[in-house]
């Protein structure tokens, strides 16, 4: 079964940092755009960031732009989300997902994302 696995979540104080990792089980991320989504309690899932297959194109939600950085290491078959200056409103379960094609355009609609992880919880609290 194709699956992604997220890691790196945890409890952090406001203003702190975390780095999330996304790794596949049994397949390669090559050729696919990869995105991070999050869902906070009582809220709908939202797109956070996306990186294209080549790694040259990235997209961010307005709420995280300038604080979060998405990257990929194809040699390690891993995508990262570096989260800095974390705010309490960043508290959510974060999911990574693989798109069936190379590009991020319209990623925040979840269109084309067919492989998902189980999520990792990020809690920002003092």
PDB file of N, CA and C in Angstrom:
ATOM      1  N   UNK A   1       0.851  -1.180   0.000  1.00  0.00           N
ATOM      2  CA  UNK A   1       0.000   0.000   0.000  1.00  0.00           C
ATOM      3  C   UNK A   1       0.895   1.241   0.000  1.00  0.00           C
ATOM      4  N   UNK A   2       0.639   2.123  -0.940  1.00  0.00           N
ATOM      5  CA  UNK A   2       1.419   3.334  -1.024  1.00  0.00           C
ATOM      6  C   UNK A   2       1.014   4.276   0.098  1.00  0.00           C
ATOM      7  N   UNK A   3       2.017   4.760   0.808  1.00  0.00           N
ATOM      8  CA  UNK A   3       1.719   5.621   1.947  1.00  0.00           C
ATOM      9  C   UNK A   3       2.879   6.569   2.182  1.00  0.00           C
ATOM     10  N   UNK A   4       2.548   7.715   2.732  1.00  0.00           N
ATOM     11  CA  UNK A   4       3.544   8.671   3.162  1.00  0.00           C
ATOM     12  C   UNK A   4       3.584   8.690   4.679  1.00  0.00           C
ATOM     13  N   UNK A   5       4.737   9.031   5.216  1.00  0.00           N
ATOM     14  CA  UNK A   5       4.876   9.107   6.664  1.00  0.00           C
ATOM     15  C   UNK A   5       5.463  10.453   7.046  1.00  0.00           C
ATOM     16  N   UNK A   6       4.751  11.174   7.906  1.00  0.00           N
ATOM     17  CA  UNK A   6       5.219  12.447   8.411  1.00  0.00           C
ATOM     18  C   UNK A   6       5.897  12.246   9.770  1.00  0.00           C
ATOM     19  N   UNK A   7       6.863  13.089  10.062  1.00  0.00           N
ATOM     20  CA  UNK A   7       7.507  13.084  11.368  1.00  0.00           C
ATOM     21  C   UNK A   7       7.969  14.490  11.702  1.00  0.00           C
ATOM     22  N   UNK A   8       8.283  14.699  12.965  1.00  0.00           N
ATOM     23  CA  UNK A   8       8.829  15.978  13.392  1.00  0.00           C
ATOM     24  C   UNK A   8       7.882  16.874  14.152  1.00  0.00           C
ATOM     25  N   UNK A   9       6.632  16.454  14.291  1.00  0.00           N
ATOM     26  CA  UNK A   9       5.687  17.264  15.047  1.00  0.00           C
ATOM     27  C   UNK A   9       5.989  17.223  16.536  1.00  0.00           C
ATOM     28  N   UNK A  10       5.298  18.080  17.279  1.00  0.00           N
ATOM     29  CA  UNK A  10       5.480  18.109  18.726  1.00  0.00           C
ATOM     30  C   UNK A  10       4.950  19.385  19.317  1.00  0.00           C
ATOM     31  N   UNK A  11       5.314  19.592  20.572  1.00  0.00           N
ATOM     32  CA  UNK A  11       4.901  20.786  21.304  1.00  0.00           C
ATOM     33  C   UNK A  11       6.027  21.811  21.265  1.00  0.00           C
ATOM     34  N   UNK A  12       5.692  23.030  20.919  1.00  0.00           N
ATOM     35  CA  UNK A  12       6.690  24.099  20.848  1.00  0.00           C
ATOM     36  C   UNK A  12       6.062  25.386  21.350  1.00  0.00           C
ATOM     37  N   UNK A  13       6.885  26.241  21.925  1.00  0.00           N
ATOM     38  CA  UNK A  13       6.381  27.526  22.405  1.00  0.00           C
ATOM     39  C   UNK A  13       6.219  28.510  21.252  1.00  0.00           C
ATOM     40  N   UNK A  14       5.342  29.471  21.393  1.00  0.00           N
ATOM     41  CA  UNK A  14       5.214  30.513  20.359  1.00  0.00           C
ATOM     42  C   UNK A  14       6.573  31.157  20.064  1.00  0.00           C
ATOM     43  N   UNK A  15       6.836  31.339  18.791  1.00  0.00           N
ATOM     44  CA  UNK A  15       8.119  31.872  18.357  1.00  0.00           C
ATOM     45  C   UNK A  15       9.157  30.816  18.076  1.00  0.00           C
ATOM     46  N   UNK A  16       8.851  29.579  18.434  1.00  0.00           N
ATOM     47  CA  UNK A  16       9.781  28.484  18.221  1.00  0.00           C
ATOM     48  C   UNK A  16       9.748  27.931  16.808  1.00  0.00           C
ATOM     49  N   UNK A  17      10.518  26.867  16.597  1.00  0.00           N
ATOM     50  CA  UNK A  17      10.659  26.259  15.272  1.00  0.00           C
ATOM     51  C   UNK A  17      10.512  24.747  15.343  1.00  0.00           C
ATOM     52  N   UNK A  18      10.048  24.192  14.245  1.00  0.00           N
ATOM     53  CA  UNK A  18      10.007  22.747  14.055  1.00  0.00           C
ATOM     54  C   UNK A  18      10.310  22.460  12.592  1.00  0.00           C
ATOM     55  N   UNK A  19      10.823  21.276  12.332  1.00  0.00           N
ATOM     56  CA  UNK A  19      10.995  20.827  10.951  1.00  0.00           C
ATOM     57  C   UNK A  19      10.267  19.510  10.780  1.00  0.00           C
ATOM     58  N   UNK A  20       9.321  19.518   9.868  1.00  0.00           N
ATOM     59  CA  UNK A  20       8.581  18.312   9.533  1.00  0.00           C
ATOM     60  C   UNK A  20       9.236  17.612   8.361  1.00  0.00           C
ATOM     61  N   UNK A  21       9.172  16.282   8.366  1.00  0.00           N
ATOM     62  CA  UNK A  21       9.690  15.483   7.269  1.00  0.00           C
ATOM     63  C   UNK A  21       8.584  14.611   6.697  1.00  0.00           C
ATOM     64  N   UNK A  22       8.683  14.339   5.422  1.00  0.00           N
ATOM     65  CA  UNK A  22       7.699  13.505   4.731  1.00  0.00           C
ATOM     66  C   UNK A  22       8.475  12.492   3.896  1.00  0.00           C
ATOM     67  N   UNK A  23       8.258  11.206   4.188  1.00  0.00           N
ATOM     68  CA  UNK A  23       8.953  10.160   3.462  1.00  0.00           C
ATOM     69  C   UNK A  23       7.954   9.121   2.984  1.00  0.00           C
ATOM     70  N   UNK A  24       8.205   8.563   1.791  1.00  0.00           N
ATOM     71  CA  UNK A  24       7.302   7.548   1.273  1.00  0.00           C
ATOM     72  C   UNK A  24       7.685   6.154   1.752  1.00  0.00           C
ATOM     73  N   UNK A  25       6.725   5.284   1.660  1.00  0.00           N
ATOM     74  CA  UNK A  25       6.966   3.872   1.970  1.00  0.00           C
ATOM     75  C   UNK A  25       6.808   3.067   0.703  1.00  0.00           C
ATOM     76  N   UNK A  26       7.960   2.633   0.142  1.00  0.00           N
ATOM     77  CA  UNK A  26       7.896   1.741  -0.992  1.00  0.00           C
ATOM     78  C   UNK A  26       7.773   2.366  -2.359  1.00  0.00           C
ATOM     79  N   UNK A  27       7.986   3.668  -2.461  1.00  0.00           N
ATOM     80  CA  UNK A  27       7.947   4.300  -3.774  1.00  0.00           C
ATOM     81  C   UNK A  27       8.769   5.582  -3.724  1.00  0.00           C
ATOM     82  N   UNK A  28       8.970   6.173  -4.871  1.00  0.00           N
ATOM     83  CA  UNK A  28       9.771   7.375  -4.947  1.00  0.00           C
ATOM     84  C   UNK A  28       8.883   8.611  -5.089  1.00  0.00           C
ATOM     85  N   UNK A  29       9.393   9.723  -4.561  1.00  0.00           N
ATOM     86  CA  UNK A  29       8.680  10.989  -4.725  1.00  0.00           C
ATOM     87  C   UNK A  29       9.061  11.687  -6.025  1.00  0.00           C
ATOM     88  N   UNK A  30      10.018  11.143  -6.745  1.00  0.00           N
ATOM     89  CA  UNK A  30      10.449  11.738  -8.001  1.00  0.00           C
ATOM     90  C   UNK A  30       9.274  11.914  -8.952  1.00  0.00           C
ATOM     91  N   UNK A  31       9.278  13.066  -9.614  1.00  0.00           N
ATOM     92  CA  UNK A  31       8.266  13.308 -10.628  1.00  0.00           C
ATOM     93  C   UNK A  31       6.943  13.817 -10.110  1.00  0.00           C
ATOM     94  N   UNK A  32       6.838  14.005  -8.815  1.00  0.00           N
ATOM     95  CA  UNK A  32       5.564  14.418  -8.217  1.00  0.00           C
ATOM     96  C   UNK A  32       5.716  15.715  -7.433  1.00  0.00           C
ATOM     97  N   UNK A  33       4.718  16.561  -7.555  1.00  0.00           N
ATOM     98  CA  UNK A  33       4.626  17.676  -6.615  1.00  0.00           C
ATOM     99  C   UNK A  33       4.187  17.127  -5.264  1.00  0.00           C
ATOM    100  N   UNK A  34       4.742  17.707  -4.215  1.00  0.00           N
ATOM    101  CA  UNK A  34       4.417  17.284  -2.852  1.00  0.00           C
ATOM    102  C   UNK A  34       3.935  18.509  -2.086  1.00  0.00           C
ATOM    103  N   UNK A  35       2.880  18.333  -1.330  1.00  0.00           N
ATOM    104  CA  UNK A  35       2.331  19.454  -0.574  1.00  0.00           C
ATOM    105  C   UNK A  35       2.128  19.085   0.887  1.00  0.00           C
ATOM    106  N   UNK A  36       2.091  20.130   1.694  1.00  0.00           N
ATOM    107  CA  UNK A  36       1.708  20.013   3.091  1.00  0.00           C
ATOM    108  C   UNK A  36       0.348  20.664   3.276  1.00  0.00           C
ATOM    109  N   UNK A  37      -0.508  19.978   3.993  1.00  0.00           N
ATOM    110  CA  UNK A  37      -1.806  20.491   4.384  1.00  0.00           C
ATOM    111  C   UNK A  37      -1.895  20.442   5.905  1.00  0.00           C
ATOM    112  N   UNK A  38      -2.835  21.160   6.457  1.00  0.00           N
ATOM    113  CA  UNK A  38      -3.046  21.074   7.893  1.00  0.00           C
ATOM    114  C   UNK A  38      -4.527  21.197   8.204  1.00  0.00           C
ATOM    115  N   UNK A  39      -4.896  20.614   9.341  1.00  0.00           N
ATOM    116  CA  UNK A  39      -6.276  20.720   9.798  1.00  0.00           C
ATOM    117  C   UNK A  39      -6.282  20.962  11.295  1.00  0.00           C
ATOM    118  N   UNK A  40      -6.803  22.095  11.670  1.00  0.00           N
ATOM    119  CA  UNK A  40      -6.935  22.448  13.077  1.00  0.00           C
ATOM    120  C   UNK A  40      -8.282  21.962  13.599  1.00  0.00           C
ATOM    121  N   UNK A  41      -8.395  21.765  14.905  1.00  0.00           N
ATOM    122  CA  UNK A  41      -9.664  21.297  15.472  1.00  0.00           C
ATOM    123  C   UNK A  41     -10.820  22.211  15.090  1.00  0.00           C
ATOM    124  N   UNK A  42     -11.878  21.610  14.553  1.00  0.00           N
ATOM    125  CA  UNK A  42     -13.064  22.369  14.202  1.00  0.00           C
ATOM    126  C   UNK A  42     -12.961  23.172  12.928  1.00  0.00           C
ATOM    127  N   UNK A  43     -11.853  23.013  12.200  1.00  0.00           N
ATOM    128  CA  UNK A  43     -11.668  23.775  10.969  1.00  0.00           C
ATOM    129  C   UNK A  43     -11.474  22.840   9.784  1.00  0.00           C
ATOM    130  N   UNK A  44     -11.668  23.389   8.612  1.00  0.00           N
ATOM    131  CA  UNK A  44     -11.450  22.619   7.403  1.00  0.00           C
ATOM    132  C   UNK A  44      -9.951  22.486   7.117  1.00  0.00           C
ATOM    133  N   UNK A  45      -9.606  21.436   6.394  1.00  0.00           N
ATOM    134  CA  UNK A  45      -8.219  21.253   5.968  1.00  0.00           C
ATOM    135  C   UNK A  45      -7.823  22.373   5.014  1.00  0.00           C
ATOM    136  N   UNK A  46      -6.600  22.866   5.156  1.00  0.00           N
ATOM    137  CA  UNK A  46      -6.119  23.915   4.278  1.00  0.00           C
ATOM    138  C   UNK A  46      -4.737  23.584   3.736  1.00  0.00           C
ATOM    139  N   UNK A  47      -4.471  24.062   2.555  1.00  0.00           N
ATOM    140  CA  UNK A  47      -3.156  23.894   1.965  1.00  0.00           C
ATOM    141  C   UNK A  47      -2.170  24.852   2.605  1.00  0.00           C
ATOM    142  N   UNK A  48      -1.006  24.357   2.950  1.00  0.00           N
ATOM    143  CA  UNK A  48       0.019  25.167   3.598  1.00  0.00           C
ATOM    144  C   UNK A  48       1.129  25.539   2.619  1.00  0.00           C
ATOM    145  N   UNK A  49       1.631  24.537   1.898  1.00  0.00           N
ATOM    146  CA  UNK A  49       2.751  24.780   0.998  1.00  0.00           C
ATOM    147  C   UNK A  49       2.870  23.629   0.029  1.00  0.00           C
ATOM    148  N   UNK A  50       3.514  23.912  -1.111  1.00  0.00           N
ATOM    149  CA  UNK A  50       3.691  22.886  -2.138  1.00  0.00           C
ATOM    150  C   UNK A  50       5.037  23.106  -2.821  1.00  0.00           C
ATOM    151  N   UNK A  51       5.645  22.015  -3.245  1.00  0.00           N
ATOM    152  CA  UNK A  51       6.895  22.100  -3.996  1.00  0.00           C
ATOM    153  C   UNK A  51       6.763  21.243  -5.244  1.00  0.00           C
ATOM    154  N   UNK A  52       7.166  21.788  -6.371  1.00  0.00           N
ATOM    155  CA  UNK A  52       7.088  21.068  -7.611  1.00  0.00           C
ATOM    156  C   UNK A  52       8.104  19.943  -7.699  1.00  0.00           C
ATOM    157  N   UNK A  53       7.944  19.112  -8.716  1.00  0.00           N
ATOM    158  CA  UNK A  53       8.785  17.923  -8.841  1.00  0.00           C
ATOM    159  C   UNK A  53      10.265  18.261  -8.962  1.00  0.00           C
ATOM    160  N   UNK A  54      10.582  19.360  -9.617  1.00  0.00           N
ATOM    161  CA  UNK A  54      11.978  19.739  -9.794  1.00  0.00           C
ATOM    162  C   UNK A  54      12.551  20.432  -8.569  1.00  0.00           C
ATOM    163  N   UNK A  55      11.693  20.872  -7.677  1.00  0.00           N
ATOM    164  CA  UNK A  55      12.138  21.616  -6.506  1.00  0.00           C
ATOM    165  C   UNK A  55      12.324  23.093  -6.759  1.00  0.00           C
ATOM    166  N   UNK A  56      12.129  23.525  -7.989  1.00  0.00           N
ATOM    167  CA  UNK A  56      12.372  24.931  -8.325  1.00  0.00           C
ATOM    168  C   UNK A  56      11.162  25.812  -8.059  1.00  0.00           C
ATOM    169  N   UNK A  57      10.004  25.234  -7.964  1.00  0.00           N
ATOM    170  CA  UNK A  57       8.773  25.999  -7.768  1.00  0.00           C
ATOM    171  C   UNK A  57       8.165  25.672  -6.413  1.00  0.00           C
ATOM    172  N   UNK A  58       7.870  26.708  -5.648  1.00  0.00           N
ATOM    173  CA  UNK A  58       7.226  26.524  -4.354  1.00  0.00           C
ATOM    174  C   UNK A  58       6.048  27.481  -4.233  1.00  0.00           C
ATOM    175  N   UNK A  59       5.085  27.089  -3.433  1.00  0.00           N
ATOM    176  CA  UNK A  59       3.915  27.928  -3.169  1.00  0.00           C
ATOM    177  C   UNK A  59       3.617  27.875  -1.680  1.00  0.00           C
ATOM    178  N   UNK A  60       3.078  28.988  -1.163  1.00  0.00           N
ATOM    179  CA  UNK A  60       2.773  29.073   0.258  1.00  0.00           C
ATOM    180  C   UNK A  60       1.425  29.743   0.474  1.00  0.00           C
ATOM    181  N   UNK A  61       0.756  29.312   1.524  1.00  0.00           N
ATOM    182  CA  UNK A  61      -0.430  30.033   1.963  1.00  0.00           C
ATOM    183  C   UNK A  61      -0.001  31.379   2.528  1.00  0.00           C
ATOM    184  N   UNK A  62      -0.858  32.367   2.394  1.00  0.00           N
ATOM    185  CA  UNK A  62      -0.531  33.700   2.891  1.00  0.00           C
ATOM    186  C   UNK A  62      -0.203  33.684   4.389  1.00  0.00           C
ATOM    187  N   UNK A  63      -0.862  32.803   5.111  1.00  0.00           N
ATOM    188  CA  UNK A  63      -0.711  32.773   6.566  1.00  0.00           C
ATOM    189  C   UNK A  63       0.656  32.264   7.025  1.00  0.00           C
ATOM    190  N   UNK A  64       1.399  31.602   6.121  1.00  0.00           N
ATOM    191  CA  UNK A  64       2.694  31.045   6.527  1.00  0.00           C
ATOM    192  C   UNK A  64       3.861  31.607   5.723  1.00  0.00           C
ATOM    193  N   UNK A  65       3.554  32.366   4.681  1.00  0.00           N
ATOM    194  CA  UNK A  65       4.627  32.873   3.810  1.00  0.00           C
ATOM    195  C   UNK A  65       5.579  33.746   4.629  1.00  0.00           C
ATOM    196  N   UNK A  66       6.866  33.492   4.452  1.00  0.00           N
ATOM    197  CA  UNK A  66       7.885  34.224   5.193  1.00  0.00           C
ATOM    198  C   UNK A  66       8.291  33.551   6.485  1.00  0.00           C
ATOM    199  N   UNK A  67       7.490  32.594   6.934  1.00  0.00           N
ATOM    200  CA  UNK A  67       7.808  31.864   8.168  1.00  0.00           C
ATOM    201  C   UNK A  67       8.128  30.395   7.903  1.00  0.00           C
ATOM    202  N   UNK A  68       7.474  29.811   6.902  1.00  0.00           N
ATOM    203  CA  UNK A  68       7.674  28.405   6.576  1.00  0.00           C
ATOM    204  C   UNK A  68       8.471  28.292   5.282  1.00  0.00           C
ATOM    205  N   UNK A  69       9.265  27.231   5.190  1.00  0.00           N
ATOM    206  CA  UNK A  69      10.022  26.953   3.977  1.00  0.00           C
ATOM    207  C   UNK A  69       9.902  25.477   3.634  1.00  0.00           C
ATOM    208  N   UNK A  70       9.464  25.201   2.425  1.00  0.00           N
ATOM    209  CA  UNK A  70       9.367  23.832   1.949  1.00  0.00           C
ATOM    210  C   UNK A  70      10.590  23.523   1.091  1.00  0.00           C
ATOM    211  N   UNK A  71      11.086  22.297   1.196  1.00  0.00           N
ATOM    212  CA  UNK A  71      12.232  21.883   0.391  1.00  0.00           C
ATOM    213  C   UNK A  71      12.142  20.379   0.166  1.00  0.00           C
ATOM    214  N   UNK A  72      12.940  19.904  -0.777  1.00  0.00           N
ATOM    215  CA  UNK A  72      12.974  18.475  -1.035  1.00  0.00           C
ATOM    216  C   UNK A  72      14.402  18.046  -1.307  1.00  0.00           C
ATOM    217  N   UNK A  73      14.720  16.846  -0.869  1.00  0.00           N
ATOM    218  CA  UNK A  73      16.009  16.216  -1.126  1.00  0.00           C
ATOM    219  C   UNK A  73      15.695  14.921  -1.853  1.00  0.00           C
ATOM    220  N   UNK A  74      15.800  14.959  -3.168  1.00  0.00           N
ATOM    221  CA  UNK A  74      15.422  13.783  -3.958  1.00  0.00           C
ATOM    222  C   UNK A  74      16.363  12.608  -3.707  1.00  0.00           C
ATOM    223  N   UNK A  75      17.599  12.896  -3.355  1.00  0.00           N
ATOM    224  CA  UNK A  75      18.537  11.805  -3.052  1.00  0.00           C
ATOM    225  C   UNK A  75      18.094  11.038  -1.804  1.00  0.00           C
ATOM    226  N   UNK A  76      17.477  11.755  -0.864  1.00  0.00           N
ATOM    227  CA  UNK A  76      16.977  11.125   0.356  1.00  0.00           C
ATOM    228  C   UNK A  76      15.497  10.778   0.262  1.00  0.00           C
ATOM    229  N   UNK A  77      14.896  11.125  -0.886  1.00  0.00           N
ATOM    230  CA  UNK A  77      13.477  10.802  -1.081  1.00  0.00           C
ATOM    231  C   UNK A  77      12.622  11.399   0.044  1.00  0.00           C
ATOM    232  N   UNK A  78      12.907  12.658   0.378  1.00  0.00           N
ATOM    233  CA  UNK A  78      12.266  13.297   1.519  1.00  0.00           C
ATOM    234  C   UNK A  78      11.898  14.739   1.182  1.00  0.00           C
ATOM    235  N   UNK A  79      10.769  15.167   1.695  1.00  0.00           N
ATOM    236  CA  UNK A  79      10.345  16.560   1.604  1.00  0.00           C
ATOM    237  C   UNK A  79      10.252  17.105   3.026  1.00  0.00           C
ATOM    238  N   UNK A  80      10.684  18.341   3.182  1.00  0.00           N
ATOM    239  CA  UNK A  80      10.718  18.963   4.501  1.00  0.00           C
ATOM    240  C   UNK A  80       9.820  20.200   4.542  1.00  0.00           C
ATOM    241  N   UNK A  81       9.375  20.524   5.736  1.00  0.00           N
ATOM    242  CA  UNK A  81       8.704  21.799   5.977  1.00  0.00           C
ATOM    243  C   UNK A  81       9.343  22.413   7.218  1.00  0.00           C
ATOM    244  N   UNK A  82      10.159  23.430   6.993  1.00  0.00           N
ATOM    245  CA  UNK A  82      10.784  24.150   8.088  1.00  0.00           C
ATOM    246  C   UNK A  82       9.823  25.237   8.546  1.00  0.00           C
ATOM    247  N   UNK A  83       9.448  25.191   9.812  1.00  0.00           N
ATOM    248  CA  UNK A  83       8.464  26.126  10.349  1.00  0.00           C
ATOM    249  C   UNK A  83       9.124  26.975  11.435  1.00  0.00           C
ATOM    250  N   UNK A  84       9.220  28.253  11.168  1.00  0.00           N
ATOM    251  CA  UNK A  84       9.821  29.194  12.101  1.00  0.00           C
ATOM    252  C   UNK A  84       8.772  30.189  12.599  1.00  0.00           C
ATOM    253  N   UNK A  85       9.107  30.883  13.679  1.00  0.00           N
ATOM    254  CA  UNK A  85       8.210  31.904  14.242  1.00  0.00           C
ATOM    255  C   UNK A  85       6.795  31.367  14.398  1.00  0.00           C
ATOM    256  N   UNK A  86       6.693  30.213  14.974  1.00  0.00           N
ATOM    257  CA  UNK A  86       5.390  29.549  15.077  1.00  0.00           C
ATOM    258  C   UNK A  86       4.440  30.325  15.975  1.00  0.00           C
ATOM    259  N   UNK A  87       3.171  30.290  15.596  1.00  0.00           N
ATOM    260  CA  UNK A  87       2.096  30.991  16.295  1.00  0.00           C
ATOM    261  C   UNK A  87       1.103  29.968  16.836  1.00  0.00           C
ATOM    262  N   UNK A  88       0.366  30.315  17.869  1.00  0.00           N
ATOM    263  CA  UNK A  88      -0.650  29.385  18.364  1.00  0.00           C
ATOM    264  C   UNK A  88      -1.634  28.939  17.279  1.00  0.00           C
ATOM    265  N   UNK A  89      -1.925  29.813  16.326  1.00  0.00           N
ATOM    266  CA  UNK A  89      -2.855  29.450  15.261  1.00  0.00           C
ATOM    267  C   UNK A  89      -2.259  28.483  14.242  1.00  0.00           C
ATOM    268  N   UNK A  90      -0.985  28.140  14.381  1.00  0.00           N
ATOM    269  CA  UNK A  90      -0.389  27.097  13.544  1.00  0.00           C
ATOM    270  C   UNK A  90      -0.661  25.706  14.107  1.00  0.00           C
ATOM    271  N   UNK A  91      -1.237  25.638  15.280  1.00  0.00           N
ATOM    272  CA  UNK A  91      -1.566  24.351  15.887  1.00  0.00           C
ATOM    273  C   UNK A  91      -2.544  23.582  14.998  1.00  0.00           C
ATOM    274  N   UNK A  92      -2.146  22.367  14.631  1.00  0.00           N
ATOM    275  CA  UNK A  92      -2.955  21.560  13.722  1.00  0.00           C
ATOM    276  C   UNK A  92      -2.274  20.211  13.523  1.00  0.00           C
ATOM    277  N   UNK A  93      -2.991  19.301  12.899  1.00  0.00           N
ATOM    278  CA  UNK A  93      -2.378  18.089  12.370  1.00  0.00           C
ATOM    279  C   UNK A  93      -1.906  18.410  10.961  1.00  0.00           C
ATOM    280  N   UNK A  94      -0.648  18.136  10.704  1.00  0.00           N
ATOM    281  CA  UNK A  94      -0.044  18.423   9.402  1.00  0.00           C
ATOM    282  C   UNK A  94       0.100  17.133   8.605  1.00  0.00           C
ATOM    283  N   UNK A  95      -0.336  17.194   7.361  1.00  0.00           N
ATOM    284  CA  UNK A  95      -0.297  16.055   6.462  1.00  0.00           C
ATOM    285  C   UNK A  95       0.552  16.396   5.235  1.00  0.00           C
ATOM    286  N   UNK A  96       1.308  15.417   4.755  1.00  0.00           N
ATOM    287  CA  UNK A  96       1.916  15.594   3.442  1.00  0.00           C
ATOM    288  C   UNK A  96       1.162  14.711   2.449  1.00  0.00           C
ATOM    289  N   UNK A  97       1.208  15.118   1.202  1.00  0.00           N
ATOM    290  CA  UNK A  97       0.468  14.422   0.160  1.00  0.00           C
ATOM    291  C   UNK A  97       1.216  14.506  -1.160  1.00  0.00           C
ATOM    292  N   UNK A  98       1.076  13.459  -1.948  1.00  0.00           N
ATOM    293  CA  UNK A  98       1.730  13.396  -3.259  1.00  0.00           C
ATOM    294  C   UNK A  98       0.698  13.614  -4.357  1.00  0.00           C
ATOM    295  N   UNK A  99       1.085  14.482  -5.284  1.00  0.00           N
ATOM    296  CA  UNK A  99       0.208  14.777  -6.406  1.00  0.00           C
ATOM    297  C   UNK A  99       0.511  13.864  -7.577  1.00  0.00           C
ATOM    298  N   UNK A 100      -0.478  13.602  -8.375  1.00  0.00           N
ATOM    299  CA  UNK A 100      -0.322  12.720  -9.531  1.00  0.00           C
ATOM    300  C   UNK A 100       0.429  13.389 -10.677  1.00  0.00           C
ATOM    301  N   UNK A 101       0.759  14.665 -10.534  1.00  0.00           N
ATOM    302  CA  UNK A 101       1.534  15.335 -11.566  1.00  0.00           C
ATOM    303  C   UNK A 101       2.552  16.286 -10.937  1.00  0.00           C
ATOM    304  N   UNK A 102       3.330  16.961 -11.776  1.00  0.00           N
ATOM    305  CA  UNK A 102       4.554  17.615 -11.361  1.00  0.00           C
ATOM    306  C   UNK A 102       4.380  19.008 -10.749  1.00  0.00           C
ATOM    307  N   UNK A 103       3.235  19.615 -10.971  1.00  0.00           N
ATOM    308  CA  UNK A 103       3.136  21.045 -10.682  1.00  0.00           C
ATOM    309  C   UNK A 103       2.198  21.365  -9.524  1.00  0.00           C
ATOM    310  N   UNK A 104       2.413  22.559  -8.922  1.00  0.00           N
ATOM    311  CA  UNK A 104       1.670  22.948  -7.733  1.00  0.00           C
ATOM    312  C   UNK A 104       0.454  23.809  -8.001  1.00  0.00           C
ATOM    313  N   UNK A 105       0.267  24.251  -9.226  1.00  0.00           N
ATOM    314  CA  UNK A 105      -0.830  25.161  -9.514  1.00  0.00           C
ATOM    315  C   UNK A 105      -2.147  24.607  -8.969  1.00  0.00           C
ATOM    316  N   UNK A 106      -2.809  25.408  -8.154  1.00  0.00           N
ATOM    317  CA  UNK A 106      -4.090  25.003  -7.594  1.00  0.00           C
ATOM    318  C   UNK A 106      -4.004  23.939  -6.522  1.00  0.00           C
ATOM    319  N   UNK A 107      -2.821  23.786  -5.911  1.00  0.00           N
ATOM    320  CA  UNK A 107      -2.646  22.689  -4.948  1.00  0.00           C
ATOM    321  C   UNK A 107      -3.599  22.802  -3.765  1.00  0.00           C
ATOM    322  N   UNK A 108      -3.951  24.011  -3.376  1.00  0.00           N
ATOM    323  CA  UNK A 108      -4.737  24.176  -2.162  1.00  0.00           C
ATOM    324  C   UNK A 108      -6.159  23.650  -2.280  1.00  0.00           C
ATOM    325  N   UNK A 109      -6.562  23.239  -3.483  1.00  0.00           N
ATOM    326  CA  UNK A 109      -7.868  22.592  -3.640  1.00  0.00           C
ATOM    327  C   UNK A 109      -7.793  21.105  -3.364  1.00  0.00           C
ATOM    328  N   UNK A 110      -6.585  20.573  -3.149  1.00  0.00           N
ATOM    329  CA  UNK A 110      -6.334  19.139  -2.964  1.00  0.00           C
ATOM    330  C   UNK A 110      -6.522  18.339  -4.250  1.00  0.00           C
ATOM    331  N   UNK A 111      -6.748  19.004  -5.361  1.00  0.00           N
ATOM    332  CA  UNK A 111      -6.965  18.311  -6.626  1.00  0.00           C
ATOM    333  C   UNK A 111      -5.718  17.536  -7.037  1.00  0.00           C
ATOM    334  N   UNK A 112      -5.882  16.250  -7.324  1.00  0.00           N
ATOM    335  CA  UNK A 112      -4.777  15.452  -7.824  1.00  0.00           C
ATOM    336  C   UNK A 112      -3.912  14.804  -6.767  1.00  0.00           C
ATOM    337  N   UNK A 113      -4.209  15.028  -5.502  1.00  0.00           N
ATOM    338  CA  UNK A 113      -3.423  14.434  -4.423  1.00  0.00           C
ATOM    339  C   UNK A 113      -4.089  13.130  -3.994  1.00  0.00           C
ATOM    340  N   UNK A 114      -3.429  12.014  -4.337  1.00  0.00           N
ATOM    341  CA  UNK A 114      -4.052  10.716  -4.116  1.00  0.00           C
ATOM    342  C   UNK A 114      -3.369   9.878  -3.041  1.00  0.00           C
ATOM    343  N   UNK A 115      -2.183  10.290  -2.613  1.00  0.00           N
ATOM    344  CA  UNK A 115      -1.454   9.545  -1.591  1.00  0.00           C
ATOM    345  C   UNK A 115      -1.188  10.470  -0.424  1.00  0.00           C
ATOM    346  N   UNK A 116      -1.615  10.059   0.754  1.00  0.00           N
ATOM    347  CA  UNK A 116      -1.545  10.902   1.943  1.00  0.00           C
ATOM    348  C   UNK A 116      -0.866  10.165   3.090  1.00  0.00           C
ATOM    349  N   UNK A 117      -0.335  10.946   4.023  1.00  0.00           N
ATOM    350  CA  UNK A 117       0.169  10.377   5.262  1.00  0.00           C
ATOM    351  C   UNK A 117      -0.896  10.407   6.335  1.00  0.00           C
ATOM    352  N   UNK A 118      -0.525   9.890   7.495  1.00  0.00           N
ATOM    353  CA  UNK A 118      -1.448   9.828   8.626  1.00  0.00           C
ATOM    354  C   UNK A 118      -1.463  11.125   9.436  1.00  0.00           C
ATOM    355  N   UNK A 119      -0.484  11.966   9.210  1.00  0.00           N
ATOM    356  CA  UNK A 119      -0.441  13.253   9.889  1.00  0.00           C
ATOM    357  C   UNK A 119       0.454  13.254  11.107  1.00  0.00           C
ATOM    358  N   UNK A 120       0.963  14.441  11.430  1.00  0.00           N
ATOM    359  CA  UNK A 120       1.753  14.644  12.636  1.00  0.00           C
ATOM    360  C   UNK A 120       1.226  15.898  13.329  1.00  0.00           C
ATOM    361  N   UNK A 121       1.067  15.821  14.630  1.00  0.00           N
ATOM    362  CA  UNK A 121       0.458  16.906  15.383  1.00  0.00           C
ATOM    363  C   UNK A 121       1.499  17.948  15.764  1.00  0.00           C
ATOM    364  N   UNK A 122       1.184  19.187  15.460  1.00  0.00           N
ATOM    365  CA  UNK A 122       1.996  20.333  15.878  1.00  0.00           C
ATOM    366  C   UNK A 122       1.163  21.169  16.840  1.00  0.00           C
ATOM    367  N   UNK A 123       1.682  21.363  18.030  1.00  0.00           N
ATOM    368  CA  UNK A 123       0.999  22.165  19.038  1.00  0.00           C
ATOM    369  C   UNK A 123       1.894  23.324  19.437  1.00  0.00           C
ATOM    370  N   UNK A 124       1.386  24.539  19.256  1.00  0.00           N
ATOM    371  CA  UNK A 124       2.131  25.744  19.607  1.00  0.00           C
ATOM    372  C   UNK A 124       1.441  26.370  20.814  1.00  0.00           C
ATOM    373  N   UNK A 125       2.103  26.286  21.936  1.00  0.00           N
ATOM    374  CA  UNK A 125       1.482  26.753  23.173  1.00  0.00           C
ATOM    375  C   UNK A 125       2.555  27.052  24.206  1.00  0.00           C
ATOM    376  N   UNK A 126       2.270  28.035  25.036  1.00  0.00           N
ATOM    377  CA  UNK A 126       3.181  28.354  26.137  1.00  0.00           C
ATOM    378  C   UNK A 126       2.769  27.615  27.400  1.00  0.00           C
TER     379      UNK A 126
END
